[in-house]
Amino acid sequence: MQEDWMPKKGMLFDNINDAWKFWIDYGGRIGFGVRKQYTHHSKDGSGLANSCRFVCCKEGLRKPDKGDFKTIKPRPETRTGCQARICLKNMGENWMLFDYGYFGDVVSLDSTYCTNSSHRPLAVFSGFNHHRKAVIFGAALLYDETAESYKWLFETFLEEHKQKTPRTVFTDQDQAMAKALSR
């Protein structure tokens, strides 16, 4: 299944406006608002842009305001430090996407669901996105709960997610799962 709307490193855009439309469309499909973080212009006086970064509207965190001690009711913080972003460089005639950050650092794997009469375990990889909403990153119907099954599951998960390894994996403390994760 080819997903042309997903950002990929090395993508080319004819101009910065096409890249911005792509980012707006991508944010709409995934479910987050977007904004431009910066655009760097050339210093030769031509005013042409060299690079830019488009981010999630919840990127970053507010810096503490040390001088404003009179604020009684500060506005609530809406930014969460989201890492969803694309960075673009001007490559002469085209703009190239050279960096893409997203969520998925913390994943929960739950295989306690048993389906149908044969009681096959359903393993679900889930986590939270930058809007603190539950997201399913993947699921698989396993034959059994052995270390070999979990090893296959983890290898397939990493293959499908371009070898992006989660920083933390929460499990249900299954011994076979722990053995497969330690490999």
C-alpha atoms as a PDB file:
ATOM      1  CA  MET A   1       0.000   0.000   0.000  1.00  0.00           C
ATOM      2  CA  GLN A   2       1.659   3.199  -1.217  1.00  0.00           C
ATOM      3  CA  GLU A   3       0.933   6.190   1.007  1.00  0.00           C
ATOM      4  CA  ASP A   4       1.928   9.282  -0.983  1.00  0.00           C
ATOM      5  CA  TRP A   5       0.663  11.586   1.748  1.00  0.00           C
ATOM      6  CA  MET A   6       3.228  10.381   4.324  1.00  0.00           C
ATOM      7  CA  PRO A   7       6.420  12.482   4.662  1.00  0.00           C
ATOM      8  CA  LYS A   8       9.576  10.688   3.554  1.00  0.00           C
ATOM      9  CA  LYS A   9      13.166  11.836   3.783  1.00  0.00           C
ATOM     10  CA  GLY A  10      14.345  12.992   0.358  1.00  0.00           C
ATOM     11  CA  MET A  11      10.915  14.076  -0.946  1.00  0.00           C
ATOM     12  CA  LEU A  12      11.114  16.929  -3.461  1.00  0.00           C
ATOM     13  CA  PHE A  13       8.740  19.877  -3.824  1.00  0.00           C
ATOM     14  CA  ASP A  14       8.663  22.403  -6.661  1.00  0.00           C
ATOM     15  CA  ASN A  15       8.436  25.344  -4.280  1.00  0.00           C
ATOM     16  CA  ILE A  16       7.946  26.215  -0.625  1.00  0.00           C
ATOM     17  CA  ASN A  17       4.186  26.713  -1.104  1.00  0.00           C
ATOM     18  CA  ASP A  18       3.770  23.132  -2.376  1.00  0.00           C
ATOM     19  CA  ALA A  19       5.648  21.875   0.692  1.00  0.00           C
ATOM     20  CA  TRP A  20       3.422  23.980   2.976  1.00  0.00           C
ATOM     21  CA  LYS A  21       0.237  22.617   1.305  1.00  0.00           C
ATOM     22  CA  PHE A  22       1.610  19.080   1.744  1.00  0.00           C
ATOM     23  CA  TRP A  23       2.245  19.722   5.489  1.00  0.00           C
ATOM     24  CA  ILE A  24      -1.253  21.177   5.969  1.00  0.00           C
ATOM     25  CA  ASP A  25      -2.777  18.130   4.235  1.00  0.00           C
ATOM     26  CA  TYR A  26      -0.646  15.725   6.276  1.00  0.00           C
ATOM     27  CA  GLY A  27      -1.552  17.443   9.557  1.00  0.00           C
ATOM     28  CA  GLY A  28      -5.233  17.298   8.616  1.00  0.00           C
ATOM     29  CA  ARG A  29      -5.072  13.569   7.841  1.00  0.00           C
ATOM     30  CA  ILE A  30      -3.205  12.704  11.049  1.00  0.00           C
ATOM     31  CA  GLY A  31      -5.205  15.118  13.211  1.00  0.00           C
ATOM     32  CA  PHE A  32      -2.981  17.992  14.291  1.00  0.00           C
ATOM     33  CA  GLY A  33      -2.718  21.684  13.506  1.00  0.00           C
ATOM     34  CA  VAL A  34       0.373  23.064  11.799  1.00  0.00           C
ATOM     35  CA  ARG A  35       2.464  26.220  11.783  1.00  0.00           C
ATOM     36  CA  LYS A  36       5.667  27.543  10.267  1.00  0.00           C
ATOM     37  CA  GLN A  37       8.484  27.661  12.809  1.00  0.00           C
ATOM     38  CA  TYR A  38      11.075  29.513  10.743  1.00  0.00           C
ATOM     39  CA  THR A  39      12.273  30.385   7.254  1.00  0.00           C
ATOM     40  CA  HIS A  40      15.928  31.302   6.688  1.00  0.00           C
ATOM     41  CA  HIS A  41      16.638  33.663   3.790  1.00  0.00           C
ATOM     42  CA  SER A  42      19.866  34.050   1.827  1.00  0.00           C
ATOM     43  CA  LYS A  43      22.191  36.824   2.944  1.00  0.00           C
ATOM     44  CA  ASP A  44      23.032  37.979  -0.589  1.00  0.00           C
ATOM     45  CA  GLY A  45      20.109  40.404  -0.633  1.00  0.00           C
ATOM     46  CA  SER A  46      17.978  38.377  -3.070  1.00  0.00           C
ATOM     47  CA  GLY A  47      15.416  37.523  -0.369  1.00  0.00           C
ATOM     48  CA  LEU A  48      15.224  33.871  -1.499  1.00  0.00           C
ATOM     49  CA  ALA A  49      14.555  31.290   1.200  1.00  0.00           C
ATOM     50  CA  ASN A  50      17.305  28.715   1.900  1.00  0.00           C
ATOM     51  CA  SER A  51      15.620  26.498   4.477  1.00  0.00           C
ATOM     52  CA  CYS A  52      12.480  26.291   6.578  1.00  0.00           C
ATOM     53  CA  ARG A  53      10.813  24.160   9.240  1.00  0.00           C
ATOM     54  CA  PHE A  54       7.112  23.355   9.519  1.00  0.00           C
ATOM     55  CA  VAL A  55       5.939  21.997  12.882  1.00  0.00           C
ATOM     56  CA  CYS A  56       2.876  20.885  14.834  1.00  0.00           C
ATOM     57  CA  CYS A  57       0.980  23.767  16.410  1.00  0.00           C
ATOM     58  CA  LYS A  58       1.777  22.221  19.829  1.00  0.00           C
ATOM     59  CA  GLU A  59       5.554  22.162  19.239  1.00  0.00           C
ATOM     60  CA  GLY A  60       7.764  23.618  21.950  1.00  0.00           C
ATOM     61  CA  LEU A  61       7.023  24.850  25.443  1.00  0.00           C
ATOM     62  CA  ARG A  62       6.551  28.339  26.832  1.00  0.00           C
ATOM     63  CA  LYS A  63       9.649  29.862  28.387  1.00  0.00           C
ATOM     64  CA  PRO A  64       9.192  31.170  31.933  1.00  0.00           C
ATOM     65  CA  ASP A  65       8.667  34.934  32.004  1.00  0.00           C
ATOM     66  CA  LYS A  66      10.910  36.152  34.810  1.00  0.00           C
ATOM     67  CA  GLY A  67       9.937  39.811  34.554  1.00  0.00           C
ATOM     68  CA  ASP A  68       6.162  39.477  34.676  1.00  0.00           C
ATOM     69  CA  PHE A  69       5.344  38.741  38.314  1.00  0.00           C
ATOM     70  CA  LYS A  70       2.066  40.676  38.235  1.00  0.00           C
ATOM     71  CA  THR A  71       0.227  38.189  36.026  1.00  0.00           C
ATOM     72  CA  ILE A  72      -2.607  36.832  38.126  1.00  0.00           C
ATOM     73  CA  LYS A  73      -4.286  34.461  35.661  1.00  0.00           C
ATOM     74  CA  PRO A  74      -1.838  33.405  32.966  1.00  0.00           C
ATOM     75  CA  ARG A  75      -3.246  31.828  29.828  1.00  0.00           C
ATOM     76  CA  PRO A  76      -3.194  28.033  29.932  1.00  0.00           C
ATOM     77  CA  GLU A  77      -0.304  26.372  28.134  1.00  0.00           C
ATOM     78  CA  THR A  78      -1.476  24.665  24.951  1.00  0.00           C
ATOM     79  CA  ARG A  79       1.886  23.472  23.685  1.00  0.00           C
ATOM     80  CA  THR A  80       3.054  19.996  24.651  1.00  0.00           C
ATOM     81  CA  GLY A  81       6.549  19.789  23.170  1.00  0.00           C
ATOM     82  CA  CYS A  82       5.360  17.782  20.157  1.00  0.00           C
ATOM     83  CA  GLN A  83       8.167  16.657  17.839  1.00  0.00           C
ATOM     84  CA  ALA A  84       6.106  16.372  14.613  1.00  0.00           C
ATOM     85  CA  ARG A  85       8.019  18.445  12.075  1.00  0.00           C
ATOM     86  CA  ILE A  86       9.520  18.585   8.614  1.00  0.00           C
ATOM     87  CA  CYS A  87      12.658  20.511   7.682  1.00  0.00           C
ATOM     88  CA  LEU A  88      13.236  21.596   4.089  1.00  0.00           C
ATOM     89  CA  LYS A  89      16.280  22.830   2.173  1.00  0.00           C
ATOM     90  CA  ASN A  90      16.338  24.730  -1.094  1.00  0.00           C
ATOM     91  CA  MET A  91      18.189  22.503  -3.574  1.00  0.00           C
ATOM     92  CA  GLY A  92      18.233  24.965  -6.481  1.00  0.00           C
ATOM     93  CA  GLU A  93      15.124  24.123  -8.466  1.00  0.00           C
ATOM     94  CA  ASN A  94      13.452  21.979  -5.799  1.00  0.00           C
ATOM     95  CA  TRP A  95      12.895  21.883  -2.057  1.00  0.00           C
ATOM     96  CA  MET A  96      13.993  18.654  -0.356  1.00  0.00           C
ATOM     97  CA  LEU A  97      12.626  17.243   2.894  1.00  0.00           C
ATOM     98  CA  PHE A  98      15.694  16.317   4.989  1.00  0.00           C
ATOM     99  CA  ASP A  99      14.311  15.759   8.497  1.00  0.00           C
ATOM    100  CA  TYR A 100      11.061  14.331   9.810  1.00  0.00           C
ATOM    101  CA  GLY A 101      10.308  14.008  13.529  1.00  0.00           C
ATOM    102  CA  TYR A 102       7.276  12.305  15.026  1.00  0.00           C
ATOM    103  CA  PHE A 103       5.982  10.524  18.090  1.00  0.00           C
ATOM    104  CA  GLY A 104       6.329   6.872  19.069  1.00  0.00           C
ATOM    105  CA  ASP A 105       9.066   6.982  21.687  1.00  0.00           C
ATOM    106  CA  VAL A 106       6.938   5.211  24.294  1.00  0.00           C
ATOM    107  CA  VAL A 107       4.918   2.168  23.253  1.00  0.00           C
ATOM    108  CA  SER A 108       2.667  -0.161  25.195  1.00  0.00           C
ATOM    109  CA  LEU A 109       2.364  -3.783  24.054  1.00  0.00           C
ATOM    110  CA  ASP A 110      -0.650  -5.665  25.353  1.00  0.00           C
ATOM    111  CA  SER A 111      -1.274  -9.270  24.337  1.00  0.00           C
ATOM    112  CA  THR A 112      -3.926 -10.143  26.899  1.00  0.00           C
ATOM    113  CA  TYR A 113      -6.765 -10.076  24.379  1.00  0.00           C
ATOM    114  CA  CYS A 114      -7.780 -13.536  23.192  1.00  0.00           C
ATOM    115  CA  THR A 115      -9.935 -13.792  20.109  1.00  0.00           C
ATOM    116  CA  ASN A 116     -12.339 -16.422  18.741  1.00  0.00           C
ATOM    117  CA  SER A 117     -12.734 -19.973  20.026  1.00  0.00           C
ATOM    118  CA  SER A 118      -9.082 -20.936  19.479  1.00  0.00           C
ATOM    119  CA  HIS A 119      -7.942 -18.286  22.009  1.00  0.00           C
ATOM    120  CA  ARG A 120      -5.251 -16.742  19.826  1.00  0.00           C
ATOM    121  CA  PRO A 121      -3.540 -13.745  21.480  1.00  0.00           C
ATOM    122  CA  LEU A 122      -4.042 -10.365  19.827  1.00  0.00           C
ATOM    123  CA  ALA A 123      -0.982  -8.166  20.387  1.00  0.00           C
ATOM    124  CA  VAL A 124      -1.623  -4.415  20.161  1.00  0.00           C
ATOM    125  CA  PHE A 125       1.105  -1.741  20.043  1.00  0.00           C
ATOM    126  CA  SER A 126      -0.380   1.483  21.366  1.00  0.00           C
ATOM    127  CA  GLY A 127       0.809   4.829  22.647  1.00  0.00           C
ATOM    128  CA  PHE A 128      -0.109   8.491  22.844  1.00  0.00           C
ATOM    129  CA  ASN A 129       0.312  11.206  20.259  1.00  0.00           C
ATOM    130  CA  HIS A 130       1.219  14.829  20.878  1.00  0.00           C
ATOM    131  CA  HIS A 131      -2.434  15.646  21.648  1.00  0.00           C
ATOM    132  CA  ARG A 132      -2.487  13.007  24.420  1.00  0.00           C
ATOM    133  CA  LYS A 133      -4.868  10.811  22.433  1.00  0.00           C
ATOM    134  CA  ALA A 134      -4.469   7.047  22.221  1.00  0.00           C
ATOM    135  CA  VAL A 135      -2.955   5.796  18.975  1.00  0.00           C
ATOM    136  CA  ILE A 136      -2.578   2.222  17.721  1.00  0.00           C
ATOM    137  CA  PHE A 137       0.821   1.798  16.046  1.00  0.00           C
ATOM    138  CA  GLY A 138       0.227  -1.819  15.049  1.00  0.00           C
ATOM    139  CA  ALA A 139      -1.541  -5.062  15.895  1.00  0.00           C
ATOM    140  CA  ALA A 140      -1.017  -8.742  15.135  1.00  0.00           C
ATOM    141  CA  LEU A 141      -2.886 -11.972  15.712  1.00  0.00           C
ATOM    142  CA  LEU A 142      -0.309 -14.409  17.101  1.00  0.00           C
ATOM    143  CA  TYR A 143      -0.370 -18.185  16.941  1.00  0.00           C
ATOM    144  CA  ASP A 144       0.832 -18.557  20.526  1.00  0.00           C
ATOM    145  CA  GLU A 145       2.625 -16.650  23.292  1.00  0.00           C
ATOM    146  CA  THR A 146       6.138 -18.016  22.772  1.00  0.00           C
ATOM    147  CA  ALA A 147       9.412 -16.098  22.568  1.00  0.00           C
ATOM    148  CA  GLU A 148       9.645 -16.972  18.843  1.00  0.00           C
ATOM    149  CA  SER A 149       6.216 -15.430  18.169  1.00  0.00           C
ATOM    150  CA  TYR A 150       7.131 -12.253  20.028  1.00  0.00           C
ATOM    151  CA  LYS A 151      10.521 -12.093  18.298  1.00  0.00           C
ATOM    152  CA  TRP A 152       8.743 -12.230  14.925  1.00  0.00           C
ATOM    153  CA  LEU A 153       6.281  -9.585  16.144  1.00  0.00           C
ATOM    154  CA  PHE A 154       9.016  -7.143  17.250  1.00  0.00           C
ATOM    155  CA  GLU A 155      11.087  -7.654  14.087  1.00  0.00           C
ATOM    156  CA  THR A 156       8.031  -7.068  11.897  1.00  0.00           C
ATOM    157  CA  PHE A 157       7.032  -4.009  13.924  1.00  0.00           C
ATOM    158  CA  LEU A 158      10.506  -2.470  13.537  1.00  0.00           C
ATOM    159  CA  GLU A 159      10.585  -3.314   9.826  1.00  0.00           C
ATOM    160  CA  GLU A 160       7.239  -1.595   9.251  1.00  0.00           C
ATOM    161  CA  HIS A 161       8.326   1.444  11.259  1.00  0.00           C
ATOM    162  CA  LYS A 162      11.620   1.913   9.380  1.00  0.00           C
ATOM    163  CA  GLN A 163      13.713   0.486  12.283  1.00  0.00           C
ATOM    164  CA  LYS A 164      12.624   3.325  14.625  1.00  0.00           C
ATOM    165  CA  THR A 165      13.045   1.697  18.014  1.00  0.00           C
ATOM    166  CA  PRO A 166      10.830   3.002  20.822  1.00  0.00           C
ATOM    167  CA  ARG A 167      12.751   4.382  23.803  1.00  0.00           C
ATOM    168  CA  THR A 168      10.398   2.635  26.244  1.00  0.00           C
ATOM    169  CA  VAL A 169       8.119  -0.399  25.887  1.00  0.00           C
ATOM    170  CA  PHE A 170       5.525  -1.136  28.569  1.00  0.00           C
ATOM    171  CA  THR A 171       4.509  -4.807  28.652  1.00  0.00           C
ATOM    172  CA  ASP A 172       2.266  -7.062  30.685  1.00  0.00           C
ATOM    173  CA  GLN A 173       5.385  -8.746  32.205  1.00  0.00           C
ATOM    174  CA  ASP A 174       5.033 -11.894  30.088  1.00  0.00           C
ATOM    175  CA  GLN A 175       8.271 -13.942  30.369  1.00  0.00           C
ATOM    176  CA  ALA A 176       8.288 -14.913  26.678  1.00  0.00           C
ATOM    177  CA  MET A 177       7.849 -11.270  25.729  1.00  0.00           C
ATOM    178  CA  ALA A 178      10.732 -10.228  28.000  1.00  0.00           C
ATOM    179  CA  LYS A 179      12.941 -12.925  26.464  1.00  0.00           C
ATOM    180  CA  ALA A 180      12.135 -11.745  22.920  1.00  0.00           C
ATOM    181  CA  LEU A 181      12.756  -8.094  23.838  1.00  0.00           C
ATOM    182  CA  SER A 182      16.137  -8.870  25.393  1.00  0.00           C
ATOM    183  CA  ARG A 183      17.482 -10.325  22.108  1.00  0.00           C
END
